[in-house]
Amino acid sequence: MSGIEICDVSPRDGLQNEAILFSTEEKVDLVKQIILAGVRRIEVTSFVNPSRVPQMADAAEVMSALPRPEGVRYSGLVMNQRGLERALLAKVHEVNIVVVATDTFCGKNQGMTTQQSIEVAANLVTAARSAGIDSTITIGAAFGCPFEGEVSIERIRDVIAQVVDAGPDELALADTIGVAVPSDIIERLNIVRSLAPSTLPLRLHLHDTRHTAVANALAAFEVGVNALDASVGGMGGCPFAPKATGNVATEDLLYLFDRMDVQTGVSFDRIVETTQWLEGKLDKKLPGALLRAGSFPITESVH
C-alpha cells in the first residue's frame, strides 16, 4: 500500500495547552527525539503574542537552537504579518496559517471575523511565496465549533472555496474540538476535492476528544489525504476552545498504519520512548492508548 506523512505537532499544539512551561532546551530535546524516531515534518512553534500563549514565547530561541538535518522540515504557525516576519527571520521551512470557520471562535482565537481572517491568510500566502517558503492554510473548527455548534455544509463550502482561491501550497481541515466522525471527514474532504485542484495536497488535523480520531484518520487516508497531524502521547489542546483535549497520538496512528502495511517512516518504539519521557516531564499520564496497551505482538521495549 502507499504511504502517509505524519506531521508531528507536539512541540507546538502539544505543548501550548500545558500548564508546565518547558524550557527552550527541553523543547529542542523533544524535537530531536521526534527526528530520531523518523518524523521529517514537525510543527515546532507558533509566532503569536506570547501573552496569549506563554508556552510559545521563546519561538525564536527554539528555532535558532534546532538542528537542521537533511530532509527535515520545520513549520511555524502564524496569524498575521508580524508573525510571518518573525517566522521568516527564524528560518522556518513553511508556515501554517489559521482560518477559523466560525466568527465567534475566530474572534476569540484571532480577534477578527472569519472573512477578515481569510483576507489576512491570502496576503500571508502571497508574502510567504515571495519569500520562497511554502504555506498551509488550516481551516479550524471545520467540523464543529465550541461556541456555535454545528458548522453547516453551506458555511464550510464557502470558507473552503475562498481558502482555495487564496492559493496555499497545502490545505488542512482541523477537527479542533474532536467532534467529527468518519462520514463527516469524507463529506468535507469531498467538498474540498470538488473545489480545489486535484494537485493540491490535503492534510487533516485531528483531536481525539471523543475517541474518534483514529477512525477519522483512516477515513481520511482512504479518500486520499496526503498528511496527518499528530502529537506524541496525544498531548495538546487549544487554549481558546473549551473542553478541547489533545491531538490524536502519534503512536496510535503508527500502530494503525503499521498493521495496515502503510509506510510512515517513523519508529513506533522510539515514539513510545518519547511519550514516556514526556510523561515524566509533565508528571502525568498522557491519553494515547498505545503506551498502556503496547504494540502487537508485544515487544520488549514497550511496557
Protein backbone atom coordinates (compact mmCIF):
# COMPACT_ATOMS: atom_id res chain seq x y z
CA MET A 1 0.00 0.00 0.00
CA SER A 2 1.02 3.64 -0.36
CA GLY A 3 2.40 5.73 2.48
CA ILE A 4 1.14 8.58 4.62
CA GLU A 5 3.10 11.52 6.01
CA ILE A 6 2.92 12.11 9.75
CA CYS A 7 3.42 15.74 10.78
CA ASP A 8 4.17 15.82 14.49
CA VAL A 9 2.77 18.91 16.20
CA SER A 10 3.84 18.04 19.77
CA PRO A 11 6.23 20.99 20.21
CA ARG A 12 3.51 23.48 19.22
CA ASP A 13 -0.07 22.25 19.55
CA GLY A 14 1.02 19.64 22.05
CA LEU A 15 2.77 21.95 24.48
CA GLN A 16 0.71 25.13 24.07
CA ASN A 17 -2.06 23.97 26.40
CA GLU A 18 0.20 22.53 29.12
CA ALA A 19 0.46 24.33 32.46
CA ILE A 20 4.08 23.27 32.97
CA LEU A 21 6.29 25.56 30.90
CA PHE A 22 9.03 23.73 29.01
CA SER A 23 12.43 25.37 28.72
CA THR A 24 13.91 26.09 25.33
CA GLU A 25 16.35 23.22 25.88
CA GLU A 26 13.53 20.78 26.69
CA LYS A 27 11.63 21.79 23.56
CA VAL A 28 14.72 21.28 21.42
CA ASP A 29 15.28 17.92 23.09
CA LEU A 30 11.69 16.93 22.23
CA VAL A 31 12.20 17.87 18.59
CA LYS A 32 15.46 15.92 18.45
CA GLN A 33 13.73 12.82 19.80
CA ILE A 34 10.95 13.15 17.23
CA ILE A 35 13.53 13.43 14.45
CA LEU A 36 15.38 10.34 15.74
CA ALA A 37 12.08 8.47 15.50
CA GLY A 38 11.96 9.24 11.79
CA VAL A 39 9.50 12.13 11.60
CA ARG A 40 10.51 14.52 8.83
CA ARG A 41 7.90 17.25 9.22
CA ILE A 42 7.40 18.96 12.58
CA GLU A 43 5.34 21.96 13.64
CA VAL A 44 7.81 23.29 16.17
CA THR A 45 6.33 26.57 17.41
CA SER A 46 3.94 29.45 16.82
CA PHE A 47 4.80 33.08 16.22
CA VAL A 48 1.93 34.59 18.17
CA ASN A 49 1.58 37.08 21.01
CA PRO A 50 3.39 35.46 23.98
CA SER A 51 0.92 36.99 26.42
CA ARG A 52 -1.79 34.91 24.76
CA VAL A 53 0.21 31.68 24.50
CA PRO A 54 3.07 31.86 27.05
CA GLN A 55 4.40 28.40 26.18
CA MET A 56 5.45 29.74 22.74
CA ALA A 57 7.24 32.88 24.00
CA ASP A 58 10.67 31.52 23.05
CA ALA A 59 9.84 30.71 19.42
CA ALA A 60 12.92 32.45 18.00
CA GLU A 61 15.24 30.85 20.55
CA VAL A 62 13.86 27.38 19.82
CA MET A 63 14.30 27.83 16.09
CA SER A 64 17.89 29.05 16.43
CA ALA A 65 18.83 26.08 18.64
CA LEU A 66 17.31 23.35 16.47
CA PRO A 67 19.49 21.03 14.38
CA ARG A 68 19.00 21.27 10.63
CA PRO A 69 19.34 17.70 9.32
CA GLU A 70 18.83 16.97 5.65
CA GLY A 71 15.21 16.29 4.76
CA VAL A 72 13.63 17.62 7.98
CA ARG A 73 11.15 20.47 7.60
CA TYR A 74 10.16 22.82 10.41
CA SER A 75 6.79 24.57 10.36
CA GLY A 76 5.67 27.58 12.39
CA LEU A 77 2.13 28.78 12.96
CA VAL A 78 1.45 32.41 12.06
CA MET A 79 -1.70 34.53 12.22
CA ASN A 80 -0.63 37.95 10.93
CA GLN A 81 2.10 39.81 9.07
CA ARG A 82 4.17 40.35 12.21
CA GLY A 83 4.08 36.63 12.92
CA LEU A 84 5.17 35.86 9.37
CA GLU A 85 8.07 38.31 9.61
CA ARG A 86 9.23 36.63 12.83
CA ALA A 87 8.89 33.18 11.23
CA LEU A 88 10.97 34.24 8.22
CA LEU A 89 13.69 35.65 10.47
CA ALA A 90 13.71 32.34 12.35
CA LYS A 91 14.18 30.48 9.03
CA VAL A 92 11.18 28.17 9.14
CA HIS A 93 10.73 25.93 6.12
CA GLU A 94 6.98 26.51 5.95
CA VAL A 95 4.20 28.38 7.70
CA ASN A 96 0.80 27.24 8.89
CA ILE A 97 -1.89 29.94 8.67
CA VAL A 98 -5.17 29.50 10.54
CA VAL A 99 -8.64 30.47 9.35
CA VAL A 100 -11.39 29.51 11.82
CA ALA A 101 -14.67 28.56 10.19
CA THR A 102 -16.97 30.38 12.64
CA ASP A 103 -16.99 34.04 13.56
CA THR A 104 -17.34 33.51 17.32
CA PHE A 105 -14.38 31.16 17.61
CA CYS A 106 -12.33 33.21 15.14
CA GLY A 107 -12.95 36.28 17.27
CA LYS A 108 -11.73 34.53 20.41
CA ASN A 109 -8.77 32.93 18.65
CA GLN A 110 -7.63 35.79 16.41
CA GLY A 111 -9.68 38.87 17.24
CA MET A 112 -11.38 39.05 13.85
CA THR A 113 -14.17 37.57 11.76
CA THR A 114 -13.73 34.54 9.54
CA GLN A 115 -13.92 36.74 6.45
CA GLN A 116 -11.23 39.04 7.79
CA SER A 117 -9.00 36.06 8.61
CA ILE A 118 -9.41 34.72 5.06
CA GLU A 119 -8.24 38.06 3.68
CA VAL A 120 -5.26 38.08 6.07
CA ALA A 121 -4.43 34.48 5.12
CA ALA A 122 -4.47 35.29 1.40
CA ASN A 123 -1.97 38.12 1.95
CA LEU A 124 0.23 35.87 4.08
CA VAL A 125 0.25 33.16 1.40
CA THR A 126 1.40 35.71 -1.17
CA ALA A 127 4.09 37.08 1.15
CA ALA A 128 5.34 33.59 2.07
CA ARG A 129 5.59 32.63 -1.58
CA SER A 130 7.53 35.80 -2.33
CA ALA A 131 9.92 34.84 0.48
CA GLY A 132 10.38 31.40 -1.03
CA ILE A 133 8.65 29.27 1.61
CA ASP A 134 5.57 27.06 1.47
CA SER A 135 2.30 27.81 3.22
CA THR A 136 -0.59 25.76 4.56
CA ILE A 137 -3.96 27.25 5.37
CA THR A 138 -5.66 25.27 8.12
CA ILE A 139 -9.41 25.72 8.48
CA GLY A 140 -10.04 25.45 12.21
CA ALA A 141 -13.33 24.19 13.63
CA ALA A 142 -14.10 22.72 10.22
CA PHE A 143 -16.31 20.04 11.76
CA GLY A 144 -17.83 21.82 14.72
CA CYS A 145 -17.46 24.88 16.93
CA PRO A 146 -17.39 25.03 20.74
CA PHE A 147 -19.46 28.23 20.66
CA GLU A 148 -21.76 27.95 17.61
CA GLY A 149 -22.19 24.19 17.46
CA GLU A 150 -22.65 22.57 14.06
CA VAL A 151 -20.85 24.16 11.12
CA SER A 152 -23.21 23.91 8.17
CA ILE A 153 -22.18 22.44 4.84
CA GLU A 154 -23.00 25.76 3.17
CA ARG A 155 -20.72 27.63 5.59
CA ILE A 156 -17.78 25.27 5.24
CA ARG A 157 -18.18 25.14 1.46
CA ASP A 158 -17.95 28.94 1.29
CA VAL A 159 -14.88 29.04 3.56
CA ILE A 160 -13.14 26.25 1.63
CA ALA A 161 -13.82 27.95 -1.71
CA GLN A 162 -12.26 31.22 -0.53
CA VAL A 163 -9.29 29.46 1.05
CA VAL A 164 -8.64 27.54 -2.18
CA ASP A 165 -8.75 30.85 -4.07
CA ALA A 166 -6.06 32.19 -1.71
CA GLY A 167 -3.66 29.71 -3.33
CA PRO A 168 -1.89 27.94 -0.44
CA ASP A 169 0.59 25.15 -1.13
CA GLU A 170 -1.47 22.86 1.10
CA LEU A 171 -4.94 22.92 2.63
CA ALA A 172 -5.73 21.38 6.02
CA LEU A 173 -9.01 20.77 7.80
CA ALA A 174 -8.93 20.77 11.60
CA ASP A 175 -11.31 18.95 13.91
CA THR A 176 -10.31 21.39 16.64
CA ILE A 177 -12.64 20.09 19.33
CA GLY A 178 -12.78 16.44 18.28
CA VAL A 179 -16.42 16.12 17.19
CA ALA A 180 -16.05 14.59 13.72
CA VAL A 181 -16.92 11.04 12.72
CA PRO A 182 -15.72 9.31 9.52
CA SER A 183 -18.77 10.31 7.48
CA ASP A 184 -18.05 13.97 8.31
CA ILE A 185 -14.44 13.55 7.21
CA ILE A 186 -15.43 12.04 3.88
CA GLU A 187 -18.17 14.60 3.27
CA ARG A 188 -15.96 17.64 3.84
CA LEU A 189 -12.95 16.24 2.02
CA ASN A 190 -15.18 15.57 -0.97
CA ILE A 191 -16.19 19.25 -0.86
CA VAL A 192 -12.50 20.20 -0.92
CA ARG A 193 -11.85 17.91 -3.88
CA SER A 194 -14.80 19.43 -5.76
CA LEU A 195 -13.40 22.94 -5.29
CA ALA A 196 -9.61 22.53 -5.28
CA PRO A 197 -7.15 21.45 -7.97
CA SER A 198 -6.50 17.71 -7.80
CA THR A 199 -2.82 18.50 -7.25
CA LEU A 200 -3.41 20.47 -4.02
CA PRO A 201 -2.04 18.43 -1.08
CA LEU A 202 -4.52 17.84 1.73
CA ARG A 203 -3.81 17.44 5.43
CA LEU A 204 -6.02 16.65 8.40
CA HIS A 205 -5.57 17.91 11.96
CA LEU A 206 -7.42 15.65 14.40
CA HIS A 207 -8.20 15.91 18.09
CA ASP A 208 -9.25 12.78 19.97
CA THR A 209 -11.69 14.39 22.40
CA ARG A 210 -14.40 11.78 21.74
CA HIS A 211 -12.07 8.94 20.69
CA THR A 212 -12.95 9.09 17.00
CA ALA A 213 -9.62 10.42 15.74
CA VAL A 214 -8.07 7.10 14.67
CA ALA A 215 -11.22 6.16 12.75
CA ASN A 216 -11.21 9.63 11.19
CA ALA A 217 -7.56 9.25 10.20
CA LEU A 218 -8.34 6.02 8.40
CA ALA A 219 -11.28 7.61 6.58
CA ALA A 220 -9.06 10.50 5.50
CA PHE A 221 -6.33 8.17 4.26
CA GLU A 222 -8.81 6.15 2.24
CA VAL A 223 -10.06 9.24 0.39
CA GLY A 224 -6.56 10.45 -0.45
CA VAL A 225 -5.33 12.77 2.30
CA ASN A 226 -1.57 13.23 1.98
CA ALA A 227 -0.63 14.06 5.59
CA LEU A 228 -1.96 13.74 9.13
CA ASP A 229 -1.10 15.83 12.18
CA ALA A 230 -0.45 14.00 15.44
CA SER A 231 1.26 14.59 18.77
CA VAL A 232 3.36 12.32 20.93
CA GLY A 233 1.18 10.69 23.59
CA GLY A 234 -1.92 12.56 22.41
CA MET A 235 -0.76 15.71 24.15
CA GLY A 236 -2.36 19.02 23.23
CA GLY A 237 -5.42 21.20 23.06
CA CYS A 238 -6.47 24.74 22.21
CA PRO A 239 -6.36 27.45 24.91
CA PHE A 240 -9.34 29.19 23.28
CA ALA A 241 -11.57 26.12 22.81
CA PRO A 242 -13.36 24.98 25.98
CA LYS A 243 -13.05 21.23 26.69
CA ALA A 244 -10.75 20.64 23.71
CA THR A 245 -8.36 17.82 24.51
CA GLY A 246 -5.25 16.51 22.82
CA ASN A 247 -4.38 15.63 19.27
CA VAL A 248 -4.53 12.09 18.03
CA ALA A 249 -1.49 10.31 19.47
CA THR A 250 1.39 9.78 17.06
CA GLU A 251 1.93 6.24 18.33
CA ASP A 252 -1.75 5.36 17.89
CA LEU A 253 -1.55 6.34 14.22
CA LEU A 254 1.71 4.41 13.84
CA TYR A 255 0.09 1.27 15.19
CA LEU A 256 -2.84 1.66 12.80
CA PHE A 257 -0.72 2.19 9.71
CA ASP A 258 1.99 -0.31 10.63
CA ARG A 259 -0.65 -3.03 10.98
CA MET A 260 -2.12 -1.98 7.61
CA ASP A 261 1.35 -2.11 6.00
CA VAL A 262 1.10 1.59 5.17
CA GLN A 263 4.52 3.25 5.25
CA THR A 264 5.13 6.18 7.62
CA GLY A 265 8.92 6.02 8.02
CA VAL A 266 8.51 6.55 11.78
CA SER A 267 9.63 4.18 14.53
CA PHE A 268 6.82 3.15 16.86
CA ASP A 269 9.21 2.14 19.64
CA ARG A 270 11.12 5.44 19.59
CA ILE A 271 7.90 7.45 19.73
CA VAL A 272 6.75 5.37 22.71
CA GLU A 273 10.07 6.14 24.43
CA THR A 274 9.46 9.85 23.80
CA THR A 275 5.96 9.52 25.26
CA GLN A 276 7.45 8.00 28.41
CA TRP A 277 9.95 10.88 28.61
CA LEU A 278 7.15 13.44 28.20
CA GLU A 279 5.05 11.86 30.91
CA GLY A 280 8.00 12.22 33.26
CA LYS A 281 8.43 15.89 32.36
CA LEU A 282 4.72 16.64 32.70
CA ASP A 283 4.23 14.43 35.76
CA LYS A 284 1.02 12.97 34.37
CA LYS A 285 -0.33 10.24 32.13
CA LEU A 286 -0.89 11.18 28.52
CA PRO A 287 -4.07 9.98 26.78
CA GLY A 288 -2.58 7.93 23.94
CA ALA A 289 -3.63 4.26 24.12
CA LEU A 290 -0.50 2.52 22.91
CA LEU A 291 1.80 3.36 25.81
CA ARG A 292 -0.57 1.43 28.08
CA ALA A 293 -1.56 -1.38 25.71
CA GLY A 294 1.67 -1.81 23.79
CA SER A 295 2.01 -2.86 20.20
CA PHE A 296 1.10 -6.32 18.95
CA PRO A 297 2.78 -8.71 19.10
CA ILE A 298 4.20 -7.28 22.34
CA THR A 299 7.83 -6.20 22.07
CA GLU A 300 10.29 -5.99 24.94
CA SER A 301 10.73 -2.23 24.56
CA VAL A 302 7.05 -1.48 25.19
CA HIS A 303 5.67 -1.64 28.74
